[in-house]
Amino acid sequence: MTEPQITLTENAAKRVAWIAERQSKPAVLRLAIDGGGCAGFTYKFELGSPEADDAVAETDGVKLVVDPVSLDLVKGSAVDFVEELGGAAFRVTNPNAQSGCGCGSSFSV
């Protein structure tokens, strides 16, 4: 059995489903990587739809999709939804990141 390329936690899946329902959109979270941020790359999340060459992870009927270029930078990661005193956000646990920023929204490889 092969390791999934990326995973969506149950907590994150519930949050995506909640957001998608309120926006009347499909429960599909797109994770993309952009250049920038305080550490070199930033995580970008949006509701979207799968493209033909995307990697797809599914949890409780909710899909997480990642384009091939971004997947190279996040392969093996898990996307979670966390609620803390400082706020609530999707958080990526990325084994490829050499360093990250304090807020967890950017990283370097």
Protein backbone atom coordinates (compact mmCIF):
# COMPACT_ATOMS: atom_id res chain seq x y z
CA MET A 1 0.00 0.00 0.00
CA THR A 2 1.41 3.40 -0.93
CA GLU A 3 1.52 6.41 1.36
CA PRO A 4 -1.02 9.09 0.44
CA GLN A 5 0.63 12.08 -1.21
CA ILE A 6 -1.30 14.48 1.03
CA THR A 7 -3.99 14.06 3.67
CA LEU A 8 -6.95 16.05 4.96
CA THR A 9 -7.75 15.60 8.64
CA GLU A 10 -11.28 14.92 9.84
CA ASN A 11 -11.34 18.31 11.57
CA ALA A 12 -10.36 20.10 8.34
CA ALA A 13 -12.91 18.10 6.34
CA LYS A 14 -15.69 19.18 8.72
CA ARG A 15 -14.67 22.84 8.38
CA VAL A 16 -14.49 22.67 4.56
CA ALA A 17 -17.95 21.07 4.47
CA TRP A 18 -19.30 23.81 6.75
CA ILE A 19 -17.81 26.63 4.62
CA ALA A 20 -18.87 25.01 1.33
CA GLU A 21 -22.45 24.59 2.55
CA ARG A 22 -22.70 28.26 3.51
CA GLN A 23 -21.29 29.35 0.14
CA SER A 24 -23.36 26.81 -1.83
CA LYS A 25 -20.20 25.36 -3.36
CA PRO A 26 -18.85 21.81 -3.62
CA ALA A 27 -16.82 20.60 -0.62
CA VAL A 28 -13.48 20.77 -2.44
CA LEU A 29 -10.55 22.60 -0.83
CA ARG A 30 -7.73 23.62 -3.17
CA LEU A 31 -4.26 24.00 -1.67
CA ALA A 32 -1.77 25.92 -3.81
CA ILE A 33 1.70 27.25 -3.11
CA ASP A 34 2.62 30.83 -3.99
CA GLY A 35 5.99 32.52 -3.82
CA GLY A 36 6.29 35.12 -1.06
CA GLY A 37 5.59 35.36 2.63
CA CYS A 38 8.22 35.81 5.29
CA ALA A 39 9.77 32.37 4.62
CA GLY A 40 9.71 32.13 0.81
CA PHE A 41 6.49 30.24 0.00
CA THR A 42 2.92 30.70 1.22
CA TYR A 43 0.01 28.30 1.47
CA LYS A 44 -3.11 29.45 -0.38
CA PHE A 45 -6.51 27.86 0.28
CA GLU A 46 -9.74 28.29 -1.67
CA LEU A 47 -12.84 26.33 -2.54
CA GLY A 48 -12.51 24.99 -6.06
CA SER A 49 -12.95 22.00 -8.27
CA PRO A 50 -10.50 19.26 -9.20
CA GLU A 51 -8.47 19.62 -12.40
CA ALA A 52 -7.41 16.60 -14.46
CA ASP A 53 -3.81 16.47 -13.18
CA ASP A 54 -4.49 17.31 -9.49
CA ALA A 55 -3.63 15.02 -6.64
CA VAL A 56 -6.83 14.35 -4.67
CA ALA A 57 -7.24 13.30 -1.05
CA GLU A 58 -10.68 12.60 0.36
CA THR A 59 -11.92 12.51 3.95
CA ASP A 60 -15.60 12.05 4.85
CA GLY A 61 -16.67 13.01 1.32
CA VAL A 62 -14.64 16.24 1.32
CA LYS A 63 -11.84 16.56 -1.24
CA LEU A 64 -8.47 18.25 -0.92
CA VAL A 65 -6.92 18.96 -4.32
CA VAL A 66 -3.34 20.03 -5.09
CA ASP A 67 -1.81 20.90 -8.46
CA PRO A 68 1.35 18.98 -9.53
CA VAL A 69 3.75 21.93 -9.05
CA SER A 70 2.48 22.67 -5.53
CA LEU A 71 2.42 18.95 -4.69
CA ASP A 72 6.21 18.77 -5.08
CA LEU A 73 6.49 21.20 -2.15
CA VAL A 74 3.84 19.62 0.10
CA LYS A 75 4.08 15.89 -0.63
CA GLY A 76 3.52 13.91 2.56
CA SER A 77 1.80 16.84 4.31
CA ALA A 78 -1.39 16.86 6.33
CA VAL A 79 -3.90 19.72 6.24
CA ASP A 80 -5.68 20.33 9.54
CA PHE A 81 -8.05 22.99 10.89
CA VAL A 82 -7.05 24.42 14.26
CA GLU A 83 -8.79 26.84 16.57
CA GLU A 84 -6.54 28.68 19.01
CA LEU A 85 -6.63 31.85 21.06
CA GLY A 86 -5.01 33.73 18.16
CA GLY A 87 -7.69 32.59 15.70
CA ALA A 88 -8.81 29.69 13.59
CA ALA A 89 -7.05 28.57 10.41
CA PHE A 90 -6.15 25.72 8.13
CA ARG A 91 -2.67 24.51 9.05
CA VAL A 92 -0.29 22.44 6.94
CA THR A 93 2.09 20.01 8.65
CA ASN A 94 4.74 19.88 5.94
CA PRO A 95 7.64 17.41 6.31
CA ASN A 96 9.44 19.12 3.39
CA ALA A 97 9.63 22.55 5.05
CA GLN A 98 13.09 23.41 6.35
CA SER A 99 11.73 26.39 8.26
CA GLY A 100 8.50 28.31 8.66
CA CYS A 101 7.13 31.51 10.08
CA GLY A 102 5.50 31.91 13.45
CA CYS A 103 1.98 32.09 12.04
CA GLY A 104 2.39 28.86 10.02
CA SER A 105 1.27 30.41 6.74
CA SER A 106 4.65 30.41 5.01
CA PHE A 107 7.65 28.10 4.77
CA SER A 108 10.96 27.49 3.00
CA VAL A 109 12.44 24.31 1.51
